[in-house]
């Protein structure tokens, strides 16, 4: 997909978010975003949506075995966490001299 038509999301890698729906729903516990996949509208979050993966033996893992790892969830199932209000918040984007900044609608603070 061309960069011109690429979707824009308010969630970035390294942000703290809360899961607002699904099996791992917990609106009071912030978690860290490990990766964002804008083409698929999905995010990878630390400790959420754990799946079991069976690995064949290879050079790095000669034994093989069963591994638990995170799987991506849809971006609509998470909300950004505001540390000041200690609550999930919606975001508005404003332009400044350096580009766009994300501002919390509850506290009015810039989210870094």
PDB file of N, CA and C in Angstrom:
ATOM      1  N   UNK A   1       0.846  -1.174   0.000  1.00  0.00           N
ATOM      2  CA  UNK A   1       0.000   0.000   0.000  1.00  0.00           C
ATOM      3  C   UNK A   1       0.891   1.237   0.000  1.00  0.00           C
ATOM      4  N   UNK A   2       0.477   2.246  -0.768  1.00  0.00           N
ATOM      5  CA  UNK A   2       1.266   3.467  -0.834  1.00  0.00           C
ATOM      6  C   UNK A   2       1.206   4.210   0.489  1.00  0.00           C
ATOM      7  N   UNK A   3       2.275   4.939   0.781  1.00  0.00           N
ATOM      8  CA  UNK A   3       2.356   5.697   2.025  1.00  0.00           C
ATOM      9  C   UNK A   3       1.241   6.739   2.102  1.00  0.00           C
ATOM     10  N   UNK A   4       0.797   7.221   0.970  1.00  0.00           N
ATOM     11  CA  UNK A   4      -0.253   8.233   0.920  1.00  0.00           C
ATOM     12  C   UNK A   4      -1.560   7.729   1.521  1.00  0.00           C
ATOM     13  N   UNK A   5      -1.858   6.456   1.337  1.00  0.00           N
ATOM     14  CA  UNK A   5      -3.117   5.883   1.815  1.00  0.00           C
ATOM     15  C   UNK A   5      -2.957   5.071   3.088  1.00  0.00           C
ATOM     16  N   UNK A   6      -1.786   5.146   3.718  1.00  0.00           N
ATOM     17  CA  UNK A   6      -1.538   4.355   4.916  1.00  0.00           C
ATOM     18  C   UNK A   6      -2.370   4.901   6.082  1.00  0.00           C
ATOM     19  N   UNK A   7      -3.016   4.030   6.855  1.00  0.00           N
ATOM     20  CA  UNK A   7      -3.822   4.512   7.985  1.00  0.00           C
ATOM     21  C   UNK A   7      -2.952   5.112   9.077  1.00  0.00           C
ATOM     22  N   UNK A   8      -3.528   6.064   9.825  1.00  0.00           N
ATOM     23  CA  UNK A   8      -2.820   6.716  10.919  1.00  0.00           C
ATOM     24  C   UNK A   8      -3.488   6.316  12.230  1.00  0.00           C
ATOM     25  N   UNK A   9      -2.690   5.901  13.193  1.00  0.00           N
ATOM     26  CA  UNK A   9      -3.204   5.508  14.486  1.00  0.00           C
ATOM     27  C   UNK A   9      -2.532   6.329  15.570  1.00  0.00           C
ATOM     28  N   UNK A  10      -3.197   6.469  16.710  1.00  0.00           N
ATOM     29  CA  UNK A  10      -2.665   7.248  17.818  1.00  0.00           C
ATOM     30  C   UNK A  10      -1.804   6.416  18.753  1.00  0.00           C
ATOM     31  N   UNK A  11      -1.619   5.159  18.457  1.00  0.00           N
ATOM     32  CA  UNK A  11      -0.835   4.273  19.315  1.00  0.00           C
ATOM     33  C   UNK A  11       0.486   3.964  18.619  1.00  0.00           C
ATOM     34  N   UNK A  12       1.586   4.089  19.382  1.00  0.00           N
ATOM     35  CA  UNK A  12       2.916   3.849  18.839  1.00  0.00           C
ATOM     36  C   UNK A  12       3.635   2.807  19.677  1.00  0.00           C
ATOM     37  N   UNK A  13       4.713   2.278  19.127  1.00  0.00           N
ATOM     38  CA  UNK A  13       5.541   1.314  19.847  1.00  0.00           C
ATOM     39  C   UNK A  13       6.103   1.977  21.100  1.00  0.00           C
ATOM     40  N   UNK A  14       6.016   1.271  22.230  1.00  0.00           N
ATOM     41  CA  UNK A  14       6.531   1.789  23.486  1.00  0.00           C
ATOM     42  C   UNK A  14       5.495   2.484  24.349  1.00  0.00           C
ATOM     43  N   UNK A  15       4.296   2.748  23.812  1.00  0.00           N
ATOM     44  CA  UNK A  15       3.226   3.385  24.589  1.00  0.00           C
ATOM     45  C   UNK A  15       2.680   2.434  25.635  1.00  0.00           C
ATOM     46  N   UNK A  16       2.049   2.998  26.647  1.00  0.00           N
ATOM     47  CA  UNK A  16       1.302   2.208  27.622  1.00  0.00           C
ATOM     48  C   UNK A  16      -0.168   2.257  27.233  1.00  0.00           C
ATOM     49  N   UNK A  17      -0.796   1.095  27.159  1.00  0.00           N
ATOM     50  CA  UNK A  17      -2.197   0.990  26.771  1.00  0.00           C
ATOM     51  C   UNK A  17      -2.923   0.061  27.728  1.00  0.00           C
ATOM     52  N   UNK A  18      -4.260   0.113  27.694  1.00  0.00           N
ATOM     53  CA  UNK A  18      -5.074  -0.846  28.422  1.00  0.00           C
ATOM     54  C   UNK A  18      -5.941  -1.587  27.417  1.00  0.00           C
ATOM     55  N   UNK A  19      -6.203  -2.857  27.699  1.00  0.00           N
ATOM     56  CA  UNK A  19      -7.056  -3.668  26.840  1.00  0.00           C
ATOM     57  C   UNK A  19      -8.490  -3.449  27.308  1.00  0.00           C
ATOM     58  N   UNK A  20      -9.368  -2.980  26.389  1.00  0.00           N
ATOM     59  CA  UNK A  20     -10.732  -2.633  26.782  1.00  0.00           C
ATOM     60  C   UNK A  20     -11.753  -3.680  26.387  1.00  0.00           C
ATOM     61  N   UNK A  21     -11.349  -4.692  25.607  1.00  0.00           N
ATOM     62  CA  UNK A  21     -12.276  -5.775  25.293  1.00  0.00           C
ATOM     63  C   UNK A  21     -11.487  -7.028  24.947  1.00  0.00           C
ATOM     64  N   UNK A  22     -12.148  -8.155  25.057  1.00  0.00           N
ATOM     65  CA  UNK A  22     -11.508  -9.418  24.760  1.00  0.00           C
ATOM     66  C   UNK A  22     -11.184 -10.204  26.016  1.00  0.00           C
ATOM     67  N   UNK A  23     -10.481 -11.292  25.834  1.00  0.00           N
ATOM     68  CA  UNK A  23     -10.185 -12.213  26.930  1.00  0.00           C
ATOM     69  C   UNK A  23      -9.293 -11.583  27.997  1.00  0.00           C
ATOM     70  N   UNK A  24      -8.371 -10.707  27.587  1.00  0.00           N
ATOM     71  CA  UNK A  24      -7.421 -10.101  28.520  1.00  0.00           C
ATOM     72  C   UNK A  24      -7.854  -8.705  28.959  1.00  0.00           C
ATOM     73  N   UNK A  25      -9.148  -8.433  28.953  1.00  0.00           N
ATOM     74  CA  UNK A  25      -9.671  -7.111  29.296  1.00  0.00           C
ATOM     75  C   UNK A  25      -9.317  -6.743  30.733  1.00  0.00           C
ATOM     76  N   UNK A  26      -8.691  -5.586  30.886  1.00  0.00           N
ATOM     77  CA  UNK A  26      -8.379  -5.047  32.209  1.00  0.00           C
ATOM     78  C   UNK A  26      -8.105  -3.556  32.040  1.00  0.00           C
ATOM     79  N   UNK A  27      -9.081  -2.727  32.397  1.00  0.00           N
ATOM     80  CA  UNK A  27      -8.980  -1.287  32.182  1.00  0.00           C
ATOM     81  C   UNK A  27      -8.123  -0.588  33.230  1.00  0.00           C
ATOM     82  N   UNK A  28      -7.653  -1.310  34.242  1.00  0.00           N
ATOM     83  CA  UNK A  28      -6.879  -0.667  35.300  1.00  0.00           C
ATOM     84  C   UNK A  28      -5.389  -0.993  35.238  1.00  0.00           C
ATOM     85  N   UNK A  29      -4.989  -1.891  34.342  1.00  0.00           N
ATOM     86  CA  UNK A  29      -3.593  -2.327  34.285  1.00  0.00           C
ATOM     87  C   UNK A  29      -2.966  -1.909  32.950  1.00  0.00           C
ATOM     88  N   UNK A  30      -2.076  -0.909  32.973  1.00  0.00           N
ATOM     89  CA  UNK A  30      -1.423  -0.520  31.715  1.00  0.00           C
ATOM     90  C   UNK A  30      -0.375  -1.545  31.290  1.00  0.00           C
ATOM     91  N   UNK A  31      -0.275  -1.745  29.988  1.00  0.00           N
ATOM     92  CA  UNK A  31       0.695  -2.680  29.423  1.00  0.00           C
ATOM     93  C   UNK A  31       1.450  -1.991  28.290  1.00  0.00           C
ATOM     94  N   UNK A  32       2.608  -2.507  27.959  1.00  0.00           N
ATOM     95  CA  UNK A  32       3.479  -1.877  26.970  1.00  0.00           C
ATOM     96  C   UNK A  32       3.225  -2.437  25.572  1.00  0.00           C
ATOM     97  N   UNK A  33       3.214  -1.551  24.573  1.00  0.00           N
ATOM     98  CA  UNK A  33       3.057  -1.947  23.170  1.00  0.00           C
ATOM     99  C   UNK A  33       4.417  -2.367  22.640  1.00  0.00           C
ATOM    100  N   UNK A  34       4.500  -3.586  22.117  1.00  0.00           N
ATOM    101  CA  UNK A  34       5.758  -4.112  21.575  1.00  0.00           C
ATOM    102  C   UNK A  34       5.907  -3.801  20.093  1.00  0.00           C
ATOM    103  N   UNK A  35       4.787  -3.792  19.353  1.00  0.00           N
ATOM    104  CA  UNK A  35       4.834  -3.513  17.915  1.00  0.00           C
ATOM    105  C   UNK A  35       3.462  -3.061  17.433  1.00  0.00           C
ATOM    106  N   UNK A  36       3.455  -2.277  16.362  1.00  0.00           N
ATOM    107  CA  UNK A  36       2.217  -1.820  15.729  1.00  0.00           C
ATOM    108  C   UNK A  36       2.285  -2.223  14.259  1.00  0.00           C
ATOM    109  N   UNK A  37       1.208  -2.830  13.776  1.00  0.00           N
ATOM    110  CA  UNK A  37       1.114  -3.244  12.377  1.00  0.00           C
ATOM    111  C   UNK A  37      -0.011  -2.450  11.702  1.00  0.00           C
ATOM    112  N   UNK A  38       0.287  -1.257  11.155  1.00  0.00           N
ATOM    113  CA  UNK A  38      -0.775  -0.395  10.637  1.00  0.00           C
ATOM    114  C   UNK A  38      -1.508  -0.974   9.421  1.00  0.00           C
ATOM    115  N   UNK A  39      -0.850  -1.770   8.602  1.00  0.00           N
ATOM    116  CA  UNK A  39      -1.513  -2.335   7.428  1.00  0.00           C
ATOM    117  C   UNK A  39      -2.609  -3.320   7.821  1.00  0.00           C
ATOM    118  N   UNK A  40      -2.408  -4.019   8.946  1.00  0.00           N
ATOM    119  CA  UNK A  40      -3.376  -5.008   9.413  1.00  0.00           C
ATOM    120  C   UNK A  40      -4.261  -4.467  10.535  1.00  0.00           C
ATOM    121  N   UNK A  41      -4.013  -3.237  10.987  1.00  0.00           N
ATOM    122  CA  UNK A  41      -4.737  -2.605  12.102  1.00  0.00           C
ATOM    123  C   UNK A  41      -4.626  -3.433  13.378  1.00  0.00           C
ATOM    124  N   UNK A  42      -3.416  -3.893  13.671  1.00  0.00           N
ATOM    125  CA  UNK A  42      -3.213  -4.736  14.833  1.00  0.00           C
ATOM    126  C   UNK A  42      -2.019  -4.243  15.649  1.00  0.00           C
ATOM    127  N   UNK A  43      -2.023  -4.600  16.951  1.00  0.00           N
ATOM    128  CA  UNK A  43      -0.920  -4.252  17.842  1.00  0.00           C
ATOM    129  C   UNK A  43      -0.501  -5.482  18.627  1.00  0.00           C
ATOM    130  N   UNK A  44       0.768  -5.522  18.982  1.00  0.00           N
ATOM    131  CA  UNK A  44       1.326  -6.596  19.797  1.00  0.00           C
ATOM    132  C   UNK A  44       1.601  -6.007  21.173  1.00  0.00           C
ATOM    133  N   UNK A  45       0.974  -6.584  22.206  1.00  0.00           N
ATOM    134  CA  UNK A  45       1.054  -6.036  23.552  1.00  0.00           C
ATOM    135  C   UNK A  45       1.652  -7.066  24.494  1.00  0.00           C
ATOM    136  N   UNK A  46       2.508  -6.578  25.384  1.00  0.00           N
ATOM    137  CA  UNK A  46       3.232  -7.439  26.314  1.00  0.00           C
ATOM    138  C   UNK A  46       2.271  -8.191  27.242  1.00  0.00           C
ATOM    139  N   UNK A  47       2.320  -9.527  27.214  1.00  0.00           N
ATOM    140  CA  UNK A  47       1.533 -10.357  28.105  1.00  0.00           C
ATOM    141  C   UNK A  47       0.069 -10.517  27.744  1.00  0.00           C
ATOM    142  N   UNK A  48      -0.339 -10.104  26.546  1.00  0.00           N
ATOM    143  CA  UNK A  48      -1.741 -10.173  26.133  1.00  0.00           C
ATOM    144  C   UNK A  48      -1.873 -11.136  24.949  1.00  0.00           C
ATOM    145  N   UNK A  49      -2.961 -11.913  24.933  1.00  0.00           N
ATOM    146  CA  UNK A  49      -3.257 -12.847  23.852  1.00  0.00           C
ATOM    147  C   UNK A  49      -2.123 -13.858  23.671  1.00  0.00           C
ATOM    148  N   UNK A  50      -1.781 -14.534  24.739  1.00  0.00           N
ATOM    149  CA  UNK A  50      -0.707 -15.521  24.698  1.00  0.00           C
ATOM    150  C   UNK A  50      -1.176 -16.770  23.943  1.00  0.00           C
ATOM    151  N   UNK A  51      -0.358 -17.217  23.005  1.00  0.00           N
ATOM    152  CA  UNK A  51      -0.665 -18.403  22.220  1.00  0.00           C
ATOM    153  C   UNK A  51       0.467 -19.410  22.370  1.00  0.00           C
ATOM    154  N   UNK A  52       0.150 -20.672  22.145  1.00  0.00           N
ATOM    155  CA  UNK A  52       1.132 -21.738  22.221  1.00  0.00           C
ATOM    156  C   UNK A  52       1.668 -22.020  20.830  1.00  0.00           C
ATOM    157  N   UNK A  53       2.994 -22.040  20.712  1.00  0.00           N
ATOM    158  CA  UNK A  53       3.622 -22.292  19.422  1.00  0.00           C
ATOM    159  C   UNK A  53       4.545 -23.502  19.551  1.00  0.00           C
ATOM    160  N   UNK A  54       4.419 -24.437  18.626  1.00  0.00           N
ATOM    161  CA  UNK A  54       5.259 -25.632  18.628  1.00  0.00           C
ATOM    162  C   UNK A  54       6.442 -25.394  17.701  1.00  0.00           C
ATOM    163  N   UNK A  55       7.658 -25.530  18.237  1.00  0.00           N
ATOM    164  CA  UNK A  55       8.858 -25.265  17.463  1.00  0.00           C
ATOM    165  C   UNK A  55       9.577 -26.563  17.109  1.00  0.00           C
ATOM    166  N   UNK A  56       9.987 -26.649  15.837  1.00  0.00           N
ATOM    167  CA  UNK A  56      10.811 -27.775  15.420  1.00  0.00           C
ATOM    168  C   UNK A  56      12.242 -27.540  15.890  1.00  0.00           C
ATOM    169  N   UNK A  57      13.005 -28.582  16.108  1.00  0.00           N
ATOM    170  CA  UNK A  57      14.414 -28.391  16.479  1.00  0.00           C
ATOM    171  C   UNK A  57      15.172 -27.661  15.370  1.00  0.00           C
ATOM    172  N   UNK A  58      16.017 -26.693  15.783  1.00  0.00           N
ATOM    173  CA  UNK A  58      16.861 -25.982  14.826  1.00  0.00           C
ATOM    174  C   UNK A  58      18.189 -25.659  15.499  1.00  0.00           C
ATOM    175  N   UNK A  59      19.033 -24.874  14.852  1.00  0.00           N
ATOM    176  CA  UNK A  59      20.374 -24.602  15.371  1.00  0.00           C
ATOM    177  C   UNK A  59      20.317 -23.836  16.698  1.00  0.00           C
ATOM    178  N   UNK A  60      19.418 -22.850  16.801  1.00  0.00           N
ATOM    179  CA  UNK A  60      19.332 -22.075  18.037  1.00  0.00           C
ATOM    180  C   UNK A  60      18.663 -22.868  19.158  1.00  0.00           C
ATOM    181  N   UNK A  61      17.710 -23.722  18.789  1.00  0.00           N
ATOM    182  CA  UNK A  61      16.961 -24.488  19.783  1.00  0.00           C
ATOM    183  C   UNK A  61      17.012 -25.964  19.381  1.00  0.00           C
ATOM    184  N   UNK A  62      18.101 -26.683  19.721  1.00  0.00           N
ATOM    185  CA  UNK A  62      18.238 -28.070  19.256  1.00  0.00           C
ATOM    186  C   UNK A  62      17.198 -29.020  19.832  1.00  0.00           C
ATOM    187  N   UNK A  63      16.595 -28.656  20.960  1.00  0.00           N
ATOM    188  CA  UNK A  63      15.607 -29.523  21.584  1.00  0.00           C
ATOM    189  C   UNK A  63      14.227 -29.372  20.948  1.00  0.00           C
ATOM    190  N   UNK A  64      13.936 -28.159  20.420  1.00  0.00           N
ATOM    191  CA  UNK A  64      12.573 -27.893  19.950  1.00  0.00           C
ATOM    192  C   UNK A  64      11.685 -27.644  21.146  1.00  0.00           C
ATOM    193  N   UNK A  65      10.385 -27.820  20.991  1.00  0.00           N
ATOM    194  CA  UNK A  65       9.500 -27.718  22.142  1.00  0.00           C
ATOM    195  C   UNK A  65       8.310 -26.809  21.930  1.00  0.00           C
ATOM    196  N   UNK A  66       7.654 -26.500  23.039  1.00  0.00           N
ATOM    197  CA  UNK A  66       6.437 -25.687  23.031  1.00  0.00           C
ATOM    198  C   UNK A  66       6.746 -24.360  23.716  1.00  0.00           C
ATOM    199  N   UNK A  67       6.372 -23.254  23.043  1.00  0.00           N
ATOM    200  CA  UNK A  67       6.692 -21.918  23.539  1.00  0.00           C
ATOM    201  C   UNK A  67       5.419 -21.092  23.633  1.00  0.00           C
ATOM    202  N   UNK A  68       5.290 -20.297  24.706  1.00  0.00           N
ATOM    203  CA  UNK A  68       4.189 -19.343  24.844  1.00  0.00           C
ATOM    204  C   UNK A  68       4.676 -17.991  24.352  1.00  0.00           C
ATOM    205  N   UNK A  69       3.922 -17.346  23.440  1.00  0.00           N
ATOM    206  CA  UNK A  69       4.291 -16.024  22.982  1.00  0.00           C
ATOM    207  C   UNK A  69       3.046 -15.186  22.705  1.00  0.00           C
ATOM    208  N   UNK A  70       3.239 -13.858  22.607  1.00  0.00           N
ATOM    209  CA  UNK A  70       2.133 -12.942  22.373  1.00  0.00           C
ATOM    210  C   UNK A  70       1.704 -13.001  20.910  1.00  0.00           C
ATOM    211  N   UNK A  71       0.402 -12.823  20.693  1.00  0.00           N
ATOM    212  CA  UNK A  71      -0.129 -12.678  19.340  1.00  0.00           C
ATOM    213  C   UNK A  71      -0.779 -11.302  19.262  1.00  0.00           C
ATOM    214  N   UNK A  72      -0.888 -10.769  18.051  1.00  0.00           N
ATOM    215  CA  UNK A  72      -1.422  -9.424  17.860  1.00  0.00           C
ATOM    216  C   UNK A  72      -2.937  -9.403  18.081  1.00  0.00           C
ATOM    217  N   UNK A  73      -3.432  -8.266  18.577  1.00  0.00           N
ATOM    218  CA  UNK A  73      -4.872  -8.053  18.711  1.00  0.00           C
ATOM    219  C   UNK A  73      -5.243  -6.806  17.918  1.00  0.00           C
ATOM    220  N   UNK A  74      -6.532  -6.644  17.658  1.00  0.00           N
ATOM    221  CA  UNK A  74      -6.982  -5.506  16.857  1.00  0.00           C
ATOM    222  C   UNK A  74      -6.788  -4.210  17.630  1.00  0.00           C
ATOM    223  N   UNK A  75      -6.428  -3.163  16.917  1.00  0.00           N
ATOM    224  CA  UNK A  75      -6.093  -1.887  17.551  1.00  0.00           C
ATOM    225  C   UNK A  75      -7.310  -1.228  18.196  1.00  0.00           C
ATOM    226  N   UNK A  76      -8.518  -1.608  17.770  1.00  0.00           N
ATOM    227  CA  UNK A  76      -9.724  -1.028  18.363  1.00  0.00           C
ATOM    228  C   UNK A  76      -9.995  -1.578  19.755  1.00  0.00           C
ATOM    229  N   UNK A  77      -9.300  -2.634  20.164  1.00  0.00           N
ATOM    230  CA  UNK A  77      -9.505  -3.241  21.477  1.00  0.00           C
ATOM    231  C   UNK A  77      -8.606  -2.656  22.558  1.00  0.00           C
ATOM    232  N   UNK A  78      -7.841  -1.614  22.226  1.00  0.00           N
ATOM    233  CA  UNK A  78      -6.959  -0.989  23.214  1.00  0.00           C
ATOM    234  C   UNK A  78      -7.195   0.519  23.254  1.00  0.00           C
ATOM    235  N   UNK A  79      -6.904   1.106  24.420  1.00  0.00           N
ATOM    236  CA  UNK A  79      -6.939   2.562  24.595  1.00  0.00           C
ATOM    237  C   UNK A  79      -5.634   3.009  25.214  1.00  0.00           C
ATOM    238  N   UNK A  80      -5.206   4.197  24.851  1.00  0.00           N
ATOM    239  CA  UNK A  80      -3.987   4.760  25.393  1.00  0.00           C
ATOM    240  C   UNK A  80      -4.151   5.070  26.872  1.00  0.00           C
ATOM    241  N   UNK A  81      -3.107   4.868  27.656  1.00  0.00           N
ATOM    242  CA  UNK A  81      -3.123   5.083  29.098  1.00  0.00           C
ATOM    243  C   UNK A  81      -2.499   6.440  29.406  1.00  0.00           C
ATOM    244  N   UNK A  82      -3.188   7.245  30.202  1.00  0.00           N
ATOM    245  CA  UNK A  82      -2.671   8.539  30.632  1.00  0.00           C
ATOM    246  C   UNK A  82      -2.139   8.383  32.052  1.00  0.00           C
ATOM    247  N   UNK A  83      -0.838   8.597  32.235  1.00  0.00           N
ATOM    248  CA  UNK A  83      -0.219   8.399  33.545  1.00  0.00           C
ATOM    249  C   UNK A  83      -0.684   9.437  34.553  1.00  0.00           C
ATOM    250  N   UNK A  84      -1.008  10.628  34.103  1.00  0.00           N
ATOM    251  CA  UNK A  84      -1.411  11.680  35.041  1.00  0.00           C
ATOM    252  C   UNK A  84      -2.774  11.373  35.665  1.00  0.00           C
ATOM    253  N   UNK A  85      -3.752  10.995  34.842  1.00  0.00           N
ATOM    254  CA  UNK A  85      -5.089  10.700  35.363  1.00  0.00           C
ATOM    255  C   UNK A  85      -5.225   9.248  35.796  1.00  0.00           C
ATOM    256  N   UNK A  86      -4.249   8.417  35.446  1.00  0.00           N
ATOM    257  CA  UNK A  86      -4.267   6.980  35.731  1.00  0.00           C
ATOM    258  C   UNK A  86      -5.546   6.341  35.206  1.00  0.00           C
ATOM    259  N   UNK A  87      -5.846   6.627  33.929  1.00  0.00           N
ATOM    260  CA  UNK A  87      -7.060   6.116  33.293  1.00  0.00           C
ATOM    261  C   UNK A  87      -6.836   6.033  31.788  1.00  0.00           C
ATOM    262  N   UNK A  88      -7.622   5.196  31.107  1.00  0.00           N
ATOM    263  CA  UNK A  88      -7.557   5.183  29.643  1.00  0.00           C
ATOM    264  C   UNK A  88      -8.167   6.466  29.088  1.00  0.00           C
ATOM    265  N   UNK A  89      -7.570   6.994  28.019  1.00  0.00           N
ATOM    266  CA  UNK A  89      -8.025   8.276  27.477  1.00  0.00           C
ATOM    267  C   UNK A  89      -8.140   8.227  25.957  1.00  0.00           C
ATOM    268  N   UNK A  90      -8.955   9.150  25.447  1.00  0.00           N
ATOM    269  CA  UNK A  90      -8.986   9.406  24.013  1.00  0.00           C
ATOM    270  C   UNK A  90      -7.974  10.504  23.703  1.00  0.00           C
ATOM    271  N   UNK A  91      -7.617  10.604  22.459  1.00  0.00           N
ATOM    272  CA  UNK A  91      -6.526  11.473  22.039  1.00  0.00           C
ATOM    273  C   UNK A  91      -7.009  12.455  20.985  1.00  0.00           C
ATOM    274  N   UNK A  92      -6.458  13.675  21.042  1.00  0.00           N
ATOM    275  CA  UNK A  92      -6.607  14.582  19.913  1.00  0.00           C
ATOM    276  C   UNK A  92      -5.212  14.933  19.429  1.00  0.00           C
ATOM    277  N   UNK A  93      -5.092  15.163  18.132  1.00  0.00           N
ATOM    278  CA  UNK A  93      -3.796  15.476  17.536  1.00  0.00           C
ATOM    279  C   UNK A  93      -3.777  16.949  17.180  1.00  0.00           C
ATOM    280  N   UNK A  94      -2.713  17.625  17.574  1.00  0.00           N
ATOM    281  CA  UNK A  94      -2.539  19.030  17.235  1.00  0.00           C
ATOM    282  C   UNK A  94      -1.187  19.212  16.578  1.00  0.00           C
ATOM    283  N   UNK A  95      -1.148  20.145  15.656  1.00  0.00           N
ATOM    284  CA  UNK A  95       0.092  20.427  14.937  1.00  0.00           C
ATOM    285  C   UNK A  95       0.862  21.516  15.679  1.00  0.00           C
ATOM    286  N   UNK A  96       2.169  21.297  15.834  1.00  0.00           N
ATOM    287  CA  UNK A  96       3.041  22.349  16.350  1.00  0.00           C
ATOM    288  C   UNK A  96       4.205  22.504  15.385  1.00  0.00           C
ATOM    289  N   UNK A  97       5.237  23.243  15.786  1.00  0.00           N
ATOM    290  CA  UNK A  97       6.348  23.509  14.859  1.00  0.00           C
ATOM    291  C   UNK A  97       7.128  22.255  14.500  1.00  0.00           C
ATOM    292  N   UNK A  98       7.099  21.223  15.332  1.00  0.00           N
ATOM    293  CA  UNK A  98       7.845  19.989  15.071  1.00  0.00           C
ATOM    294  C   UNK A  98       7.020  18.924  14.376  1.00  0.00           C
ATOM    295  N   UNK A  99       5.727  19.153  14.159  1.00  0.00           N
ATOM    296  CA  UNK A  99       4.850  18.140  13.571  1.00  0.00           C
ATOM    297  C   UNK A  99       3.614  17.995  14.424  1.00  0.00           C
ATOM    298  N   UNK A 100       3.115  16.767  14.547  1.00  0.00           N
ATOM    299  CA  UNK A 100       1.921  16.516  15.340  1.00  0.00           C
ATOM    300  C   UNK A 100       2.288  16.056  16.746  1.00  0.00           C
ATOM    301  N   UNK A 101       1.474  16.457  17.723  1.00  0.00           N
ATOM    302  CA  UNK A 101       1.610  15.956  19.090  1.00  0.00           C
ATOM    303  C   UNK A 101       0.283  15.353  19.502  1.00  0.00           C
ATOM    304  N   UNK A 102       0.341  14.363  20.401  1.00  0.00           N
ATOM    305  CA  UNK A 102      -0.864  13.720  20.905  1.00  0.00           C
ATOM    306  C   UNK A 102      -1.202  14.329  22.247  1.00  0.00           C
ATOM    307  N   UNK A 103      -2.456  14.747  22.414  1.00  0.00           N
ATOM    308  CA  UNK A 103      -2.892  15.396  23.642  1.00  0.00           C
ATOM    309  C   UNK A 103      -4.049  14.609  24.228  1.00  0.00           C
ATOM    310  N   UNK A 104      -3.955  14.329  25.532  1.00  0.00           N
ATOM    311  CA  UNK A 104      -5.005  13.610  26.238  1.00  0.00           C
ATOM    312  C   UNK A 104      -6.231  14.500  26.370  1.00  0.00           C
ATOM    313  N   UNK A 105      -7.402  13.946  26.084  1.00  0.00           N
ATOM    314  CA  UNK A 105      -8.636  14.737  26.199  1.00  0.00           C
ATOM    315  C   UNK A 105      -9.064  14.913  27.644  1.00  0.00           C
ATOM    316  N   UNK A 106      -8.629  14.030  28.566  1.00  0.00           N
ATOM    317  CA  UNK A 106      -8.994  14.155  29.976  1.00  0.00           C
ATOM    318  C   UNK A 106      -8.135  15.185  30.690  1.00  0.00           C
ATOM    319  N   UNK A 107      -6.823  15.064  30.562  1.00  0.00           N
ATOM    320  CA  UNK A 107      -5.932  15.922  31.334  1.00  0.00           C
ATOM    321  C   UNK A 107      -5.402  17.108  30.530  1.00  0.00           C
ATOM    322  N   UNK A 108      -5.445  17.033  29.208  1.00  0.00           N
ATOM    323  CA  UNK A 108      -4.891  18.114  28.384  1.00  0.00           C
ATOM    324  C   UNK A 108      -3.385  18.068  28.258  1.00  0.00           C
ATOM    325  N   UNK A 109      -2.747  17.022  28.796  1.00  0.00           N
ATOM    326  CA  UNK A 109      -1.305  16.888  28.758  1.00  0.00           C
ATOM    327  C   UNK A 109      -0.859  16.253  27.435  1.00  0.00           C
ATOM    328  N   UNK A 110       0.361  16.607  27.018  1.00  0.00           N
ATOM    329  CA  UNK A 110       0.956  15.998  25.827  1.00  0.00           C
ATOM    330  C   UNK A 110       1.437  14.602  26.202  1.00  0.00           C
ATOM    331  N   UNK A 111       1.103  13.620  25.382  1.00  0.00           N
ATOM    332  CA  UNK A 111       1.537  12.232  25.624  1.00  0.00           C
ATOM    333  C   UNK A 111       2.790  11.985  24.803  1.00  0.00           C
ATOM    334  N   UNK A 112       3.845  11.551  25.483  1.00  0.00           N
ATOM    335  CA  UNK A 112       5.120  11.347  24.800  1.00  0.00           C
ATOM    336  C   UNK A 112       5.276   9.918  24.362  1.00  0.00           C
TER     337      UNK A 112
END
